[in-house]
């Protein structure tokens, strides 16, 4: 659980005891590539901590998949509506690589928030950071050109471009794959 622990401690100095308590509730799972671990319209009772591998979250808009988020080593993948509203959500979460996760039930996690201040504070800080990331994505879509969004993503997440298809990246950026190809053809790509 090295990647998970390292990422948890980036957000908050969680004690070894709190981590042991959290780990006690984990179930280790390995999902093959292209596995839907969360489905829109189906209530999911699990929060998945990614140790190895990668997922993408997406929703359907006019029958087309629109990528909304990528999660990789150390990140958490879950359905937001499931976690916060206790209702089935609108997003799918699909593995992009073989993915090793440690899953914990929402109920167990909620109990840990009540009983362990380190875990509660870590999750609070993590959610604040994710909210700011979502706000940044939203503002970028409104204020930046397609090239500027591409350039920003390249500078902030260069590993993404080696692990994700251009179609998924284009969808996340809110542009067509053809537009992304034109941007890259002009020399704006990773070497």
N, C-alpha and C. Protein backbone atom coordinates (compact mmCIF):
# COMPACT_ATOMS: atom_id res chain seq x y z
N UNK A 1 0.82 -1.20 0.00
CA UNK A 1 0.00 0.00 0.00
C UNK A 1 0.86 1.26 0.00
N UNK A 2 2.04 1.13 -0.52
CA UNK A 2 3.01 2.23 -0.51
C UNK A 2 2.49 3.50 -1.20
N UNK A 3 1.92 3.36 -2.39
CA UNK A 3 1.42 4.54 -3.12
C UNK A 3 0.25 5.20 -2.39
N UNK A 4 -0.61 4.39 -1.82
CA UNK A 4 -1.77 4.93 -1.10
C UNK A 4 -1.31 5.70 0.13
N UNK A 5 -0.42 5.09 0.92
CA UNK A 5 0.07 5.74 2.15
C UNK A 5 0.80 7.04 1.82
N UNK A 6 1.65 7.00 0.80
CA UNK A 6 2.40 8.21 0.42
C UNK A 6 1.44 9.34 0.04
N UNK A 7 0.43 9.03 -0.74
CA UNK A 7 -0.52 10.06 -1.17
C UNK A 7 -1.36 10.56 0.00
N UNK A 8 -1.80 9.66 0.86
CA UNK A 8 -2.56 10.09 2.04
C UNK A 8 -1.74 11.12 2.82
N UNK A 9 -0.46 10.83 3.01
CA UNK A 9 0.38 11.71 3.83
C UNK A 9 0.77 13.00 3.11
N UNK A 10 0.60 13.06 1.81
CA UNK A 10 0.77 14.33 1.09
C UNK A 10 -0.30 15.32 1.56
N UNK A 11 -1.49 14.80 1.79
CA UNK A 11 -2.62 15.65 2.16
C UNK A 11 -2.70 15.94 3.65
N UNK A 12 -2.30 14.96 4.47
CA UNK A 12 -2.44 15.15 5.92
C UNK A 12 -1.50 14.16 6.63
N UNK A 13 -0.87 14.60 7.73
CA UNK A 13 0.08 13.72 8.44
C UNK A 13 -0.65 12.67 9.29
N UNK A 14 -1.24 11.71 8.64
CA UNK A 14 -2.01 10.67 9.31
C UNK A 14 -1.06 9.75 10.08
N UNK A 15 -1.42 9.42 11.30
CA UNK A 15 -0.58 8.57 12.15
C UNK A 15 -0.56 7.13 11.63
N UNK A 16 0.48 6.39 12.02
CA UNK A 16 0.56 4.97 11.66
C UNK A 16 -0.64 4.20 12.21
N UNK A 17 -1.08 4.58 13.41
CA UNK A 17 -2.23 3.90 14.02
C UNK A 17 -3.50 4.13 13.20
N UNK A 18 -3.71 5.35 12.75
CA UNK A 18 -4.89 5.65 11.93
C UNK A 18 -4.83 4.90 10.60
N UNK A 19 -3.64 4.83 10.01
CA UNK A 19 -3.49 4.09 8.75
C UNK A 19 -3.78 2.61 8.95
N UNK A 20 -3.33 2.07 10.07
CA UNK A 20 -3.60 0.66 10.37
C UNK A 20 -5.11 0.43 10.53
N UNK A 21 -5.79 1.36 11.17
CA UNK A 21 -7.24 1.27 11.34
C UNK A 21 -7.93 1.31 9.98
N UNK A 22 -7.50 2.23 9.13
CA UNK A 22 -8.06 2.33 7.78
C UNK A 22 -7.81 1.04 7.00
N UNK A 23 -6.57 0.55 7.04
CA UNK A 23 -6.19 -0.64 6.28
C UNK A 23 -6.98 -1.87 6.75
N UNK A 24 -7.36 -1.90 8.01
CA UNK A 24 -8.12 -3.03 8.54
C UNK A 24 -9.46 -3.20 7.80
N UNK A 25 -10.01 -2.11 7.30
CA UNK A 25 -11.28 -2.17 6.58
C UNK A 25 -11.15 -2.42 5.09
N UNK A 26 -9.92 -2.51 4.59
CA UNK A 26 -9.69 -2.66 3.15
C UNK A 26 -9.91 -4.10 2.66
N UNK A 27 -10.37 -4.17 1.43
CA UNK A 27 -10.43 -5.43 0.69
C UNK A 27 -9.60 -5.22 -0.58
N UNK A 28 -8.60 -6.07 -0.78
CA UNK A 28 -7.73 -5.97 -1.96
C UNK A 28 -8.46 -6.56 -3.16
N UNK A 29 -8.44 -5.81 -4.28
CA UNK A 29 -9.07 -6.27 -5.51
C UNK A 29 -8.20 -5.91 -6.71
N UNK A 30 -8.16 -6.78 -7.69
CA UNK A 30 -7.46 -6.50 -8.95
C UNK A 30 -8.50 -6.54 -10.06
N UNK A 31 -8.56 -5.45 -10.83
CA UNK A 31 -9.50 -5.36 -11.94
C UNK A 31 -8.74 -5.37 -13.25
N UNK A 32 -9.16 -6.20 -14.21
CA UNK A 32 -8.53 -6.18 -15.53
C UNK A 32 -8.79 -4.85 -16.25
N UNK A 33 -8.01 -4.60 -17.27
CA UNK A 33 -8.19 -3.40 -18.09
C UNK A 33 -9.61 -3.40 -18.67
N UNK A 34 -10.18 -2.21 -18.81
CA UNK A 34 -11.52 -1.98 -19.39
C UNK A 34 -12.65 -2.60 -18.56
N UNK A 35 -12.45 -2.62 -17.24
CA UNK A 35 -13.50 -3.11 -16.35
C UNK A 35 -14.24 -1.92 -15.76
N UNK A 36 -15.56 -1.96 -15.82
CA UNK A 36 -16.37 -0.92 -15.17
C UNK A 36 -16.47 -1.29 -13.69
N UNK A 37 -15.85 -0.47 -12.83
CA UNK A 37 -15.93 -0.76 -11.40
C UNK A 37 -17.06 0.03 -10.74
N UNK A 38 -17.53 1.07 -11.42
CA UNK A 38 -18.71 1.82 -10.98
C UNK A 38 -19.55 2.08 -12.21
N UNK A 39 -20.85 1.87 -12.09
CA UNK A 39 -21.78 2.07 -13.21
C UNK A 39 -22.82 3.12 -12.84
N UNK A 40 -23.07 4.01 -13.79
CA UNK A 40 -24.11 5.03 -13.59
C UNK A 40 -25.44 4.33 -13.32
N UNK A 41 -26.21 4.91 -12.41
CA UNK A 41 -27.52 4.37 -12.11
C UNK A 41 -27.53 3.18 -11.17
N UNK A 42 -26.34 2.67 -10.80
CA UNK A 42 -26.24 1.56 -9.86
C UNK A 42 -25.51 2.03 -8.62
N UNK A 43 -26.14 1.88 -7.48
CA UNK A 43 -25.54 2.35 -6.24
C UNK A 43 -24.30 1.53 -5.91
N UNK A 44 -23.19 2.20 -5.68
CA UNK A 44 -21.93 1.53 -5.34
C UNK A 44 -21.58 1.86 -3.90
N UNK A 45 -21.35 0.87 -3.09
CA UNK A 45 -21.11 1.04 -1.66
C UNK A 45 -19.62 1.09 -1.31
N UNK A 46 -18.74 1.21 -2.31
CA UNK A 46 -17.30 1.12 -2.07
C UNK A 46 -16.57 2.40 -2.47
N UNK A 47 -15.50 2.67 -1.74
CA UNK A 47 -14.53 3.70 -2.12
C UNK A 47 -13.26 2.93 -2.45
N UNK A 48 -12.66 3.20 -3.61
CA UNK A 48 -11.52 2.44 -4.10
C UNK A 48 -10.25 3.30 -4.04
N UNK A 49 -9.26 2.82 -3.31
CA UNK A 49 -7.96 3.48 -3.22
C UNK A 49 -7.03 2.77 -4.19
N UNK A 50 -6.48 3.51 -5.15
CA UNK A 50 -5.70 2.90 -6.22
C UNK A 50 -4.23 2.78 -5.80
N UNK A 51 -3.77 1.54 -5.73
CA UNK A 51 -2.36 1.29 -5.43
C UNK A 51 -1.54 1.25 -6.72
N UNK A 52 -2.10 0.61 -7.74
CA UNK A 52 -1.40 0.50 -9.03
C UNK A 52 -2.45 0.48 -10.12
N UNK A 53 -2.17 1.23 -11.19
CA UNK A 53 -3.09 1.26 -12.31
C UNK A 53 -3.76 2.61 -12.44
N UNK A 54 -4.82 2.63 -13.23
CA UNK A 54 -5.45 3.90 -13.56
C UNK A 54 -6.91 3.69 -13.95
N UNK A 55 -7.73 4.69 -13.61
CA UNK A 55 -9.14 4.68 -14.02
C UNK A 55 -9.49 6.01 -14.66
N UNK A 56 -10.59 5.99 -15.37
CA UNK A 56 -11.17 7.25 -15.84
C UNK A 56 -12.63 7.24 -15.46
N UNK A 57 -13.11 8.40 -15.11
CA UNK A 57 -14.54 8.59 -14.84
C UNK A 57 -15.14 9.24 -16.07
N UNK A 58 -16.34 8.82 -16.41
CA UNK A 58 -17.00 9.45 -17.56
C UNK A 58 -18.51 9.40 -17.36
N UNK A 59 -19.17 10.24 -18.12
CA UNK A 59 -20.63 10.26 -18.15
C UNK A 59 -21.06 10.19 -19.61
N UNK A 60 -22.30 9.90 -19.84
CA UNK A 60 -22.82 9.87 -21.21
C UNK A 60 -23.57 11.16 -21.49
N UNK A 61 -23.25 11.78 -22.62
CA UNK A 61 -23.95 12.99 -23.07
C UNK A 61 -24.33 12.78 -24.52
N UNK A 62 -25.61 12.77 -24.79
CA UNK A 62 -26.12 12.49 -26.14
C UNK A 62 -25.53 11.19 -26.69
N UNK A 63 -25.41 10.19 -25.82
CA UNK A 63 -24.92 8.88 -26.23
C UNK A 63 -23.41 8.76 -26.36
N UNK A 64 -22.69 9.84 -26.11
CA UNK A 64 -21.22 9.81 -26.22
C UNK A 64 -20.59 9.87 -24.83
N UNK A 65 -19.47 9.14 -24.68
CA UNK A 65 -18.73 9.17 -23.42
C UNK A 65 -17.97 10.48 -23.30
N UNK A 66 -18.12 11.15 -22.16
CA UNK A 66 -17.39 12.39 -21.88
C UNK A 66 -16.56 12.14 -20.62
N UNK A 67 -15.25 12.14 -20.78
CA UNK A 67 -14.35 11.88 -19.66
C UNK A 67 -14.35 13.08 -18.71
N UNK A 68 -14.54 12.79 -17.43
CA UNK A 68 -14.63 13.86 -16.43
C UNK A 68 -13.46 13.86 -15.45
N UNK A 69 -12.72 12.75 -15.37
CA UNK A 69 -11.68 12.67 -14.34
C UNK A 69 -10.78 11.47 -14.63
N UNK A 70 -9.52 11.58 -14.25
CA UNK A 70 -8.60 10.45 -14.27
C UNK A 70 -8.09 10.23 -12.86
N UNK A 71 -7.94 8.98 -12.46
CA UNK A 71 -7.39 8.64 -11.16
C UNK A 71 -6.28 7.63 -11.36
N UNK A 72 -5.16 7.84 -10.66
CA UNK A 72 -4.04 6.92 -10.78
C UNK A 72 -3.49 6.59 -9.40
N UNK A 73 -2.30 6.02 -9.36
CA UNK A 73 -1.72 5.54 -8.12
C UNK A 73 -1.85 6.58 -7.00
N UNK A 74 -2.39 6.11 -5.88
CA UNK A 74 -2.56 6.97 -4.71
C UNK A 74 -3.88 7.71 -4.67
N UNK A 75 -4.59 7.75 -5.79
CA UNK A 75 -5.87 8.47 -5.85
C UNK A 75 -7.02 7.59 -5.35
N UNK A 76 -8.14 8.24 -5.15
CA UNK A 76 -9.36 7.57 -4.73
C UNK A 76 -10.34 7.60 -5.90
N UNK A 77 -10.98 6.48 -6.17
CA UNK A 77 -12.02 6.42 -7.20
C UNK A 77 -13.32 5.99 -6.52
N UNK A 78 -14.34 6.79 -6.73
CA UNK A 78 -15.65 6.46 -6.15
C UNK A 78 -16.71 7.26 -6.88
N UNK A 79 -17.94 6.87 -6.65
CA UNK A 79 -19.06 7.63 -7.16
C UNK A 79 -19.41 8.73 -6.17
N UNK A 80 -19.35 9.97 -6.59
CA UNK A 80 -19.59 11.08 -5.66
C UNK A 80 -21.00 11.06 -5.10
N UNK A 81 -22.00 10.79 -5.93
CA UNK A 81 -23.38 10.74 -5.44
C UNK A 81 -23.53 9.60 -4.44
N UNK A 82 -22.88 8.48 -4.73
CA UNK A 82 -22.94 7.33 -3.83
C UNK A 82 -22.36 7.71 -2.46
N UNK A 83 -21.21 8.37 -2.49
CA UNK A 83 -20.49 8.71 -1.26
C UNK A 83 -21.19 9.80 -0.46
N UNK A 84 -21.63 10.86 -1.13
CA UNK A 84 -22.14 12.03 -0.41
C UNK A 84 -23.66 12.09 -0.28
N UNK A 85 -24.38 11.49 -1.20
CA UNK A 85 -25.85 11.59 -1.20
C UNK A 85 -26.55 10.27 -0.94
N UNK A 86 -25.75 9.19 -0.87
CA UNK A 86 -26.32 7.87 -0.64
C UNK A 86 -27.33 7.50 -1.73
N UNK A 87 -26.99 7.89 -2.97
CA UNK A 87 -27.82 7.62 -4.14
C UNK A 87 -26.93 7.18 -5.29
N UNK A 88 -27.50 6.44 -6.21
CA UNK A 88 -26.77 6.06 -7.42
C UNK A 88 -26.43 7.31 -8.22
N UNK A 89 -25.22 7.34 -8.76
CA UNK A 89 -24.74 8.51 -9.47
C UNK A 89 -24.89 8.43 -10.97
N UNK A 90 -24.26 9.37 -11.65
CA UNK A 90 -24.37 9.52 -13.10
C UNK A 90 -23.10 9.09 -13.84
N UNK A 91 -22.05 8.80 -13.10
CA UNK A 91 -20.76 8.51 -13.74
C UNK A 91 -20.44 7.02 -13.74
N UNK A 92 -19.63 6.68 -14.73
CA UNK A 92 -19.02 5.37 -14.81
C UNK A 92 -17.56 5.54 -14.42
N UNK A 93 -16.97 4.52 -13.82
CA UNK A 93 -15.53 4.49 -13.57
C UNK A 93 -15.00 3.21 -14.20
N UNK A 94 -14.07 3.38 -15.14
CA UNK A 94 -13.53 2.28 -15.93
C UNK A 94 -12.02 2.21 -15.74
N UNK A 95 -11.49 0.99 -15.62
CA UNK A 95 -10.04 0.84 -15.53
C UNK A 95 -9.43 1.03 -16.92
N UNK A 96 -8.32 1.75 -16.96
CA UNK A 96 -7.59 1.95 -18.22
C UNK A 96 -6.39 1.02 -18.31
N UNK A 97 -6.02 0.44 -17.20
CA UNK A 97 -4.93 -0.52 -17.09
C UNK A 97 -5.39 -1.57 -16.08
N UNK A 98 -4.67 -2.69 -15.99
CA UNK A 98 -4.94 -3.58 -14.87
C UNK A 98 -4.74 -2.75 -13.61
N UNK A 99 -5.70 -2.79 -12.70
CA UNK A 99 -5.70 -1.86 -11.57
C UNK A 99 -5.88 -2.60 -10.25
N UNK A 100 -4.91 -2.39 -9.36
CA UNK A 100 -4.96 -2.93 -8.01
C UNK A 100 -5.52 -1.87 -7.08
N UNK A 101 -6.61 -2.19 -6.43
CA UNK A 101 -7.23 -1.24 -5.50
C UNK A 101 -7.41 -1.90 -4.14
N UNK A 102 -7.49 -1.04 -3.15
CA UNK A 102 -7.91 -1.45 -1.81
C UNK A 102 -9.23 -0.73 -1.58
N UNK A 103 -10.30 -1.50 -1.45
CA UNK A 103 -11.64 -0.93 -1.34
C UNK A 103 -12.13 -1.00 0.10
N UNK A 104 -12.93 -0.01 0.46
CA UNK A 104 -13.53 0.03 1.79
C UNK A 104 -14.97 0.48 1.62
N UNK A 105 -15.85 -0.05 2.44
CA UNK A 105 -17.25 0.34 2.30
C UNK A 105 -17.45 1.77 2.77
N UNK A 106 -18.42 2.43 2.17
CA UNK A 106 -18.76 3.80 2.56
C UNK A 106 -19.16 3.83 4.03
N UNK A 107 -19.89 2.83 4.48
CA UNK A 107 -20.33 2.78 5.88
C UNK A 107 -19.14 2.73 6.82
N UNK A 108 -18.16 1.86 6.51
CA UNK A 108 -16.97 1.74 7.35
C UNK A 108 -16.19 3.05 7.36
N UNK A 109 -16.04 3.65 6.19
CA UNK A 109 -15.32 4.92 6.11
C UNK A 109 -16.03 6.00 6.93
N UNK A 110 -17.34 6.07 6.84
CA UNK A 110 -18.09 7.05 7.63
C UNK A 110 -17.91 6.83 9.13
N UNK A 111 -17.86 5.58 9.55
CA UNK A 111 -17.62 5.28 10.97
C UNK A 111 -16.21 5.72 11.38
N UNK A 112 -15.24 5.53 10.50
CA UNK A 112 -13.87 5.95 10.81
C UNK A 112 -13.77 7.47 10.94
N UNK A 113 -14.54 8.20 10.14
CA UNK A 113 -14.55 9.66 10.28
C UNK A 113 -14.97 10.06 11.70
N UNK A 114 -15.93 9.33 12.24
CA UNK A 114 -16.44 9.65 13.58
C UNK A 114 -15.46 9.25 14.69
N UNK A 115 -14.72 8.18 14.46
CA UNK A 115 -13.88 7.63 15.53
C UNK A 115 -12.41 8.04 15.46
N UNK A 116 -11.96 8.54 14.30
CA UNK A 116 -10.53 8.86 14.16
C UNK A 116 -10.37 10.23 13.50
N UNK A 117 -9.90 11.19 14.28
CA UNK A 117 -9.76 12.57 13.80
C UNK A 117 -8.76 12.68 12.66
N UNK A 118 -7.69 11.86 12.67
CA UNK A 118 -6.72 11.89 11.57
C UNK A 118 -7.38 11.53 10.25
N UNK A 119 -8.17 10.48 10.25
CA UNK A 119 -8.84 10.04 9.02
C UNK A 119 -9.86 11.09 8.58
N UNK A 120 -10.60 11.64 9.53
CA UNK A 120 -11.58 12.67 9.20
C UNK A 120 -10.90 13.90 8.61
N UNK A 121 -9.80 14.34 9.21
CA UNK A 121 -9.10 15.52 8.70
C UNK A 121 -8.45 15.26 7.35
N UNK A 122 -7.87 14.07 7.18
CA UNK A 122 -7.27 13.74 5.89
C UNK A 122 -8.33 13.78 4.79
N UNK A 123 -9.49 13.18 5.02
CA UNK A 123 -10.52 13.16 3.99
C UNK A 123 -11.06 14.56 3.73
N UNK A 124 -11.17 15.37 4.77
CA UNK A 124 -11.63 16.75 4.59
C UNK A 124 -10.67 17.50 3.67
N UNK A 125 -9.38 17.39 3.93
CA UNK A 125 -8.38 18.08 3.11
C UNK A 125 -8.38 17.52 1.69
N UNK A 126 -8.47 16.21 1.55
CA UNK A 126 -8.52 15.59 0.22
C UNK A 126 -9.72 16.11 -0.56
N UNK A 127 -10.88 16.18 0.06
CA UNK A 127 -12.07 16.67 -0.63
C UNK A 127 -11.96 18.14 -0.99
N UNK A 128 -11.33 18.93 -0.13
CA UNK A 128 -11.10 20.34 -0.47
C UNK A 128 -10.22 20.45 -1.72
N UNK A 129 -9.16 19.66 -1.77
CA UNK A 129 -8.26 19.68 -2.93
C UNK A 129 -8.98 19.23 -4.19
N UNK A 130 -9.78 18.19 -4.09
CA UNK A 130 -10.53 17.72 -5.26
C UNK A 130 -11.55 18.75 -5.72
N UNK A 131 -12.20 19.42 -4.78
CA UNK A 131 -13.13 20.49 -5.15
C UNK A 131 -12.40 21.59 -5.91
N UNK A 132 -11.21 21.97 -5.44
CA UNK A 132 -10.44 23.01 -6.13
C UNK A 132 -10.00 22.54 -7.52
N UNK A 133 -9.64 21.26 -7.65
CA UNK A 133 -9.27 20.73 -8.96
C UNK A 133 -10.46 20.79 -9.92
N UNK A 134 -11.63 20.40 -9.43
CA UNK A 134 -12.83 20.47 -10.27
C UNK A 134 -13.16 21.90 -10.67
N UNK A 135 -13.02 22.82 -9.75
CA UNK A 135 -13.27 24.22 -10.06
C UNK A 135 -12.27 24.71 -11.11
N UNK A 136 -11.02 24.32 -10.97
CA UNK A 136 -10.00 24.71 -11.94
C UNK A 136 -10.33 24.17 -13.33
N UNK A 137 -10.76 22.92 -13.40
CA UNK A 137 -11.16 22.33 -14.68
C UNK A 137 -12.32 23.11 -15.29
N UNK A 138 -13.30 23.42 -14.49
CA UNK A 138 -14.48 24.16 -14.97
C UNK A 138 -14.08 25.54 -15.48
N UNK A 139 -13.30 26.27 -14.71
CA UNK A 139 -12.87 27.62 -15.11
C UNK A 139 -11.99 27.56 -16.35
N UNK A 140 -11.12 26.55 -16.43
CA UNK A 140 -10.26 26.40 -17.62
C UNK A 140 -11.10 26.19 -18.88
N UNK A 141 -12.14 25.37 -18.77
CA UNK A 141 -13.00 25.14 -19.94
C UNK A 141 -13.69 26.42 -20.39
N UNK A 142 -13.98 27.31 -19.45
CA UNK A 142 -14.65 28.56 -19.79
C UNK A 142 -13.70 29.62 -20.32
N UNK A 143 -12.48 29.64 -19.82
CA UNK A 143 -11.58 30.77 -20.08
C UNK A 143 -10.37 30.49 -20.95
N UNK A 144 -10.01 29.23 -21.13
CA UNK A 144 -8.80 28.92 -21.89
C UNK A 144 -9.16 28.35 -23.26
N UNK A 145 -8.30 28.61 -24.23
CA UNK A 145 -8.47 28.01 -25.55
C UNK A 145 -8.16 26.52 -25.47
N UNK A 146 -8.51 25.80 -26.51
CA UNK A 146 -8.23 24.36 -26.56
C UNK A 146 -6.74 24.11 -26.39
N UNK A 147 -5.91 24.88 -27.09
CA UNK A 147 -4.47 24.72 -26.96
C UNK A 147 -4.01 25.00 -25.53
N UNK A 148 -4.53 26.06 -24.92
CA UNK A 148 -4.12 26.41 -23.56
C UNK A 148 -4.53 25.32 -22.56
N UNK A 149 -5.70 24.70 -22.76
CA UNK A 149 -6.12 23.61 -21.88
C UNK A 149 -5.20 22.40 -22.06
N UNK A 150 -4.85 22.12 -23.32
CA UNK A 150 -3.93 21.03 -23.62
C UNK A 150 -2.57 21.28 -22.97
N UNK A 151 -2.05 22.47 -23.16
CA UNK A 151 -0.74 22.83 -22.61
C UNK A 151 -0.75 22.74 -21.07
N UNK A 152 -1.81 23.20 -20.46
CA UNK A 152 -1.95 23.15 -19.00
C UNK A 152 -1.96 21.70 -18.51
N UNK A 153 -2.73 20.85 -19.17
CA UNK A 153 -2.79 19.45 -18.79
C UNK A 153 -1.43 18.78 -18.98
N UNK A 154 -0.76 19.10 -20.09
CA UNK A 154 0.57 18.53 -20.33
C UNK A 154 1.55 18.92 -19.23
N UNK A 155 1.51 20.17 -18.80
CA UNK A 155 2.46 20.62 -17.78
C UNK A 155 2.10 20.07 -16.40
N UNK A 156 0.82 19.90 -16.11
CA UNK A 156 0.40 19.42 -14.79
C UNK A 156 0.40 17.90 -14.66
N UNK A 157 0.15 17.19 -15.75
CA UNK A 157 0.02 15.73 -15.71
C UNK A 157 0.70 15.08 -16.92
N UNK A 158 2.02 15.26 -17.07
CA UNK A 158 2.67 14.72 -18.26
C UNK A 158 2.55 13.20 -18.39
N UNK A 159 2.50 12.48 -17.27
CA UNK A 159 2.39 11.01 -17.33
C UNK A 159 1.10 10.56 -17.99
N UNK A 160 0.08 11.38 -17.91
CA UNK A 160 -1.21 11.06 -18.50
C UNK A 160 -1.07 10.77 -20.00
N UNK A 161 -0.23 11.52 -20.67
CA UNK A 161 -0.09 11.42 -22.12
C UNK A 161 0.63 10.13 -22.54
N UNK A 162 1.24 9.44 -21.60
CA UNK A 162 1.89 8.16 -21.90
C UNK A 162 1.01 6.98 -21.51
N UNK A 163 -0.11 7.25 -20.84
CA UNK A 163 -0.93 6.16 -20.31
C UNK A 163 -2.37 6.16 -20.80
N UNK A 164 -2.80 7.24 -21.43
CA UNK A 164 -4.21 7.41 -21.79
C UNK A 164 -4.33 7.65 -23.29
N UNK A 165 -5.39 7.14 -23.90
CA UNK A 165 -5.58 7.36 -25.34
C UNK A 165 -5.87 8.84 -25.60
N UNK A 166 -5.52 9.27 -26.80
CA UNK A 166 -5.78 10.66 -27.18
C UNK A 166 -7.28 10.95 -27.20
N UNK A 167 -8.09 9.95 -27.51
CA UNK A 167 -9.54 10.15 -27.50
C UNK A 167 -10.05 10.51 -26.11
N UNK A 168 -9.54 9.83 -25.09
CA UNK A 168 -9.94 10.13 -23.71
C UNK A 168 -9.43 11.50 -23.27
N UNK A 169 -8.21 11.84 -23.69
CA UNK A 169 -7.65 13.16 -23.35
C UNK A 169 -8.46 14.26 -24.02
N UNK A 170 -8.78 14.07 -25.30
CA UNK A 170 -9.58 15.07 -26.02
C UNK A 170 -10.93 15.26 -25.34
N UNK A 171 -11.56 14.17 -24.98
CA UNK A 171 -12.85 14.24 -24.30
C UNK A 171 -12.74 15.01 -22.98
N UNK A 172 -11.70 14.73 -22.21
CA UNK A 172 -11.49 15.43 -20.94
C UNK A 172 -11.28 16.92 -21.16
N UNK A 173 -10.57 17.27 -22.24
CA UNK A 173 -10.30 18.68 -22.54
C UNK A 173 -11.50 19.40 -23.15
N UNK A 174 -12.52 18.65 -23.52
CA UNK A 174 -13.71 19.26 -24.11
C UNK A 174 -13.53 19.61 -25.57
N UNK A 175 -12.68 18.84 -26.27
CA UNK A 175 -12.44 19.08 -27.69
C UNK A 175 -12.57 17.75 -28.44
N UNK A 176 -12.64 17.83 -29.75
CA UNK A 176 -12.69 16.61 -30.55
C UNK A 176 -11.29 16.02 -30.67
N UNK A 177 -11.25 14.75 -31.00
CA UNK A 177 -9.95 14.11 -31.22
C UNK A 177 -9.25 14.74 -32.42
N UNK A 178 -10.02 15.19 -33.41
CA UNK A 178 -9.43 15.85 -34.58
C UNK A 178 -8.76 17.16 -34.17
N UNK A 179 -9.41 17.93 -33.29
CA UNK A 179 -8.80 19.18 -32.81
C UNK A 179 -7.52 18.89 -32.05
N UNK A 180 -7.53 17.86 -31.23
CA UNK A 180 -6.32 17.49 -30.50
C UNK A 180 -5.22 17.07 -31.46
N UNK A 181 -5.57 16.34 -32.50
CA UNK A 181 -4.57 15.94 -33.51
C UNK A 181 -3.98 17.15 -34.21
N UNK A 182 -4.81 18.15 -34.50
CA UNK A 182 -4.30 19.38 -35.14
C UNK A 182 -3.34 20.12 -34.20
N UNK A 183 -3.70 20.20 -32.93
CA UNK A 183 -2.81 20.86 -31.96
C UNK A 183 -1.48 20.13 -31.91
N UNK A 184 -1.52 18.81 -31.86
CA UNK A 184 -0.28 18.02 -31.79
C UNK A 184 0.51 18.11 -33.09
N UNK A 185 -0.18 18.19 -34.24
CA UNK A 185 0.50 18.28 -35.53
C UNK A 185 1.29 19.57 -35.67
N UNK A 186 0.87 20.60 -34.95
CA UNK A 186 1.58 21.87 -34.99
C UNK A 186 2.82 21.86 -34.10
N UNK A 187 3.12 20.69 -33.52
CA UNK A 187 4.34 20.58 -32.73
C UNK A 187 4.14 20.70 -31.24
N UNK A 188 2.90 20.70 -30.79
CA UNK A 188 2.61 20.83 -29.37
C UNK A 188 2.39 19.45 -28.75
N UNK A 189 3.41 18.62 -28.73
CA UNK A 189 3.24 17.29 -28.16
C UNK A 189 4.48 16.89 -27.40
N UNK A 190 4.32 15.85 -26.59
CA UNK A 190 5.44 15.34 -25.80
C UNK A 190 6.36 14.54 -26.70
N UNK A 191 7.62 14.61 -26.43
CA UNK A 191 8.58 13.79 -27.18
C UNK A 191 9.15 12.71 -26.31
